[in-house]
C-alpha atoms as a PDB file:
ATOM      1  CA  MET A   1      21.375  14.183 -46.952  1.00  0.00           C
ATOM      2  CA  ARG A   2      21.059  10.631 -45.819  1.00  0.00           C
ATOM      3  CA  THR A   3      18.897   9.571 -42.851  1.00  0.00           C
ATOM      4  CA  VAL A   4      19.734   6.629 -40.680  1.00  0.00           C
ATOM      5  CA  ASN A   5      16.841   4.375 -39.883  1.00  0.00           C
ATOM      6  CA  GLN A   6      16.373   3.771 -36.204  1.00  0.00           C
ATOM      7  CA  PRO A   7      15.832   0.143 -35.304  1.00  0.00           C
ATOM      8  CA  ALA A   8      12.135  -0.425 -34.833  1.00  0.00           C
ATOM      9  CA  GLU A   9      10.936  -1.504 -31.424  1.00  0.00           C
ATOM     10  CA  PRO A  10       9.688  -5.052 -31.494  1.00  0.00           C
ATOM     11  CA  PRO A  11       5.912  -5.164 -31.717  1.00  0.00           C
ATOM     12  CA  GLN A  12       4.094  -5.854 -28.486  1.00  0.00           C
ATOM     13  CA  SER A  13       2.320  -9.147 -28.030  1.00  0.00           C
ATOM     14  CA  PRO A  14      -1.463  -9.004 -27.528  1.00  0.00           C
ATOM     15  CA  ALA A  15      -0.943  -9.696 -23.813  1.00  0.00           C
ATOM     16  CA  GLU A  16       1.548  -6.826 -23.522  1.00  0.00           C
ATOM     17  CA  MET A  17      -0.841  -4.498 -25.370  1.00  0.00           C
ATOM     18  CA  ARG A  18      -3.653  -5.392 -22.931  1.00  0.00           C
ATOM     19  CA  ARG A  19      -1.433  -4.733 -19.915  1.00  0.00           C
ATOM     20  CA  THR A  20      -0.199  -1.461 -21.416  1.00  0.00           C
ATOM     21  CA  ALA A  21      -3.784  -0.283 -22.039  1.00  0.00           C
ATOM     22  CA  LEU A  22      -4.701  -1.208 -18.460  1.00  0.00           C
ATOM     23  CA  TYR A  23      -1.684   0.546 -16.922  1.00  0.00           C
ATOM     24  CA  LEU A  24      -2.113   3.701 -19.003  1.00  0.00           C
ATOM     25  CA  THR A  25      -5.769   3.953 -17.997  1.00  0.00           C
ATOM     26  CA  LEU A  26      -5.107   3.208 -14.335  1.00  0.00           C
ATOM     27  CA  ALA A  27      -2.390   5.870 -14.236  1.00  0.00           C
ATOM     28  CA  GLN A  28      -5.041   8.478 -15.106  1.00  0.00           C
ATOM     29  CA  VAL A  29      -7.276   7.800 -12.076  1.00  0.00           C
ATOM     30  CA  PRO A  30      -6.770  10.913  -9.929  1.00  0.00           C
ATOM     31  CA  ALA A  31      -6.251  10.991  -6.178  1.00  0.00           C
ATOM     32  CA  GLY A  32      -9.539  11.035  -4.293  1.00  0.00           C
ATOM     33  CA  CYS A  33     -11.300   9.010  -6.980  1.00  0.00           C
ATOM     34  CA  VAL A  34     -11.978   5.304  -7.370  1.00  0.00           C
ATOM     35  CA  VAL A  35     -13.007   3.012 -10.197  1.00  0.00           C
ATOM     36  CA  SER A  36     -14.314  -0.549 -10.263  1.00  0.00           C
ATOM     37  CA  TYR A  37     -12.392  -3.389 -11.870  1.00  0.00           C
ATOM     38  CA  GLY A  38     -15.086  -3.694 -14.525  1.00  0.00           C
ATOM     39  CA  GLU A  39     -15.212   0.007 -15.294  1.00  0.00           C
ATOM     40  CA  LEU A  40     -11.423   0.163 -15.524  1.00  0.00           C
ATOM     41  CA  ALA A  41     -11.462  -2.722 -18.011  1.00  0.00           C
ATOM     42  CA  HIS A  42     -14.154  -0.959 -20.054  1.00  0.00           C
ATOM     43  CA  LEU A  43     -12.310   2.384 -20.049  1.00  0.00           C
ATOM     44  CA  ALA A  44      -9.097   0.641 -21.137  1.00  0.00           C
ATOM     45  CA  GLY A  45     -10.923  -0.911 -24.100  1.00  0.00           C
ATOM     46  CA  LEU A  46     -10.717  -4.413 -22.668  1.00  0.00           C
ATOM     47  CA  GLY A  47     -14.415  -5.219 -22.590  1.00  0.00           C
ATOM     48  CA  ARG A  48     -15.738  -7.293 -19.734  1.00  0.00           C
ATOM     49  CA  ALA A  49     -12.394  -8.236 -18.204  1.00  0.00           C
ATOM     50  CA  ALA A  50     -12.895  -7.308 -14.536  1.00  0.00           C
ATOM     51  CA  ARG A  51     -11.396 -10.549 -13.227  1.00  0.00           C
ATOM     52  CA  TRP A  52      -8.407 -10.245 -15.548  1.00  0.00           C
ATOM     53  CA  VAL A  53      -7.861  -6.683 -14.285  1.00  0.00           C
ATOM     54  CA  GLY A  54      -7.905  -7.885 -10.682  1.00  0.00           C
ATOM     55  CA  ARG A  55      -5.509 -10.731 -11.410  1.00  0.00           C
ATOM     56  CA  THR A  56      -3.150  -8.438 -13.321  1.00  0.00           C
ATOM     57  CA  LEU A  57      -3.139  -5.798 -10.585  1.00  0.00           C
ATOM     58  CA  SER A  58      -2.418  -8.462  -7.967  1.00  0.00           C
ATOM     59  CA  GLN A  59       0.828  -9.195  -9.838  1.00  0.00           C
ATOM     60  CA  LEU A  60       2.165  -5.622  -9.765  1.00  0.00           C
ATOM     61  CA  PRO A  61       5.552  -5.232  -8.083  1.00  0.00           C
ATOM     62  CA  ALA A  62       5.474  -3.941  -4.504  1.00  0.00           C
ATOM     63  CA  ASP A  63       7.190  -0.683  -5.508  1.00  0.00           C
ATOM     64  CA  THR A  64       4.780   0.184  -8.344  1.00  0.00           C
ATOM     65  CA  LYS A  65       3.789   3.818  -8.745  1.00  0.00           C
ATOM     66  CA  LEU A  66       0.424   2.850 -10.275  1.00  0.00           C
ATOM     67  CA  PRO A  67      -2.547   3.755  -8.038  1.00  0.00           C
ATOM     68  CA  TRP A  68      -3.820   0.164  -7.658  1.00  0.00           C
ATOM     69  CA  HIS A  69      -5.489   1.116  -4.380  1.00  0.00           C
ATOM     70  CA  ARG A  70      -8.067   3.197  -6.271  1.00  0.00           C
ATOM     71  CA  VAL A  71      -9.567   0.100  -7.926  1.00  0.00           C
ATOM     72  CA  LEU A  72     -12.528  -1.511  -6.161  1.00  0.00           C
ATOM     73  CA  GLY A  73     -15.005  -4.294  -6.643  1.00  0.00           C
ATOM     74  CA  ALA A  74     -18.508  -3.737  -7.947  1.00  0.00           C
ATOM     75  CA  GLY A  75     -20.552  -1.234  -5.974  1.00  0.00           C
ATOM     76  CA  GLY A  76     -17.479   0.207  -4.254  1.00  0.00           C
ATOM     77  CA  ARG A  77     -16.612  -2.961  -2.330  1.00  0.00           C
ATOM     78  CA  ILE A  78     -13.009  -3.360  -1.222  1.00  0.00           C
ATOM     79  CA  SER A  79     -11.998  -6.806  -2.448  1.00  0.00           C
ATOM     80  CA  LEU A  80      -8.915  -7.281  -0.287  1.00  0.00           C
ATOM     81  CA  PRO A  81      -9.579  -8.915   3.088  1.00  0.00           C
ATOM     82  CA  VAL A  82      -9.705  -6.877   6.279  1.00  0.00           C
ATOM     83  CA  GLY A  83      -6.573  -7.625   8.282  1.00  0.00           C
ATOM     84  CA  SER A  84      -4.435  -8.482   5.253  1.00  0.00           C
ATOM     85  CA  ALA A  85      -1.359  -6.327   4.658  1.00  0.00           C
ATOM     86  CA  SER A  86      -2.489  -5.276   1.186  1.00  0.00           C
ATOM     87  CA  GLY A  87      -6.073  -4.686   2.331  1.00  0.00           C
ATOM     88  CA  ASP A  88      -4.935  -2.527   5.235  1.00  0.00           C
ATOM     89  CA  GLU A  89      -2.604  -0.613   2.902  1.00  0.00           C
ATOM     90  CA  GLN A  90      -5.436  -0.006   0.431  1.00  0.00           C
ATOM     91  CA  ARG A  91      -7.765   1.302   3.125  1.00  0.00           C
ATOM     92  CA  ALA A  92      -5.029   3.567   4.550  1.00  0.00           C
ATOM     93  CA  ARG A  93      -4.142   4.985   1.114  1.00  0.00           C
ATOM     94  CA  LEU A  94      -7.793   5.676   0.314  1.00  0.00           C
ATOM     95  CA  ARG A  95      -8.294   7.437   3.661  1.00  0.00           C
ATOM     96  CA  ASP A  96      -5.119   9.473   3.075  1.00  0.00           C
ATOM     97  CA  GLU A  97      -6.754  10.732  -0.142  1.00  0.00           C
ATOM     98  CA  GLY A  98      -9.880  11.826   1.741  1.00  0.00           C
ATOM     99  CA  ILE A  99     -12.006   8.831   0.788  1.00  0.00           C
ATOM    100  CA  THR A 100     -14.284   7.479   3.501  1.00  0.00           C
ATOM    101  CA  VAL A 101     -14.356   3.706   3.894  1.00  0.00           C
ATOM    102  CA  ARG A 102     -17.421   2.362   5.727  1.00  0.00           C
ATOM    103  CA  ASN A 103     -18.328  -1.291   6.126  1.00  0.00           C
ATOM    104  CA  ASN A 104     -15.550  -2.205   3.695  1.00  0.00           C
ATOM    105  CA  ARG A 105     -17.107  -0.014   0.990  1.00  0.00           C
ATOM    106  CA  VAL A 106     -16.521   3.325  -0.668  1.00  0.00           C
ATOM    107  CA  ASP A 107     -19.378   5.520  -1.892  1.00  0.00           C
ATOM    108  CA  ILE A 108     -18.753   5.079  -5.606  1.00  0.00           C
ATOM    109  CA  GLN A 109     -21.382   7.697  -6.467  1.00  0.00           C
ATOM    110  CA  ARG A 110     -19.412  10.282  -4.509  1.00  0.00           C
ATOM    111  CA  HIS A 111     -15.858   9.179  -5.279  1.00  0.00           C
ATOM    112  CA  GLY A 112     -16.235   7.370  -8.615  1.00  0.00           C
ATOM    113  CA  TRP A 113     -13.931   8.503 -11.399  1.00  0.00           C
ATOM    114  CA  ARG A 114     -15.730   9.997 -14.371  1.00  0.00           C
ATOM    115  CA  PRO A 115     -13.004  10.615 -16.974  1.00  0.00           C
ATOM    116  CA  VAL A 116     -15.074  13.063 -19.049  1.00  0.00           C
ATOM    117  CA  GLU A 117     -15.577  15.267 -15.991  1.00  0.00           C
ATOM    118  CA  HIS A 118     -11.893  15.082 -15.020  1.00  0.00           C
ATOM    119  CA  SER A 119     -10.317  15.610 -18.418  1.00  0.00           C
ATOM    120  CA  GLY A 120      -8.856  19.017 -18.739  1.00  0.00           C
END
């Protein structure tokens, strides 16, 4: 019996592999939880790439299903400006998930994602 070889998918570039690792990790952050840019980079195996994470997330298409709104600056700070469309959307989405936003911050101790605790 002869098998037909399927054409191999072209290998991903290093940049595509980094984005894929980021997106796969971000997709796991559950509703009601948040993660910092730096922690997300670390969990995705990207080292100290917090700024790269922020830049990459800022380039997501408007209709993305990824939970970008769950990613915050260090110490739970919301990085997007108050009064901006994206900042207002982030705050509204977080509140819809039961997360309290006070003084442009989220209590990361209370709402921080801890993957070991959330893995099933």
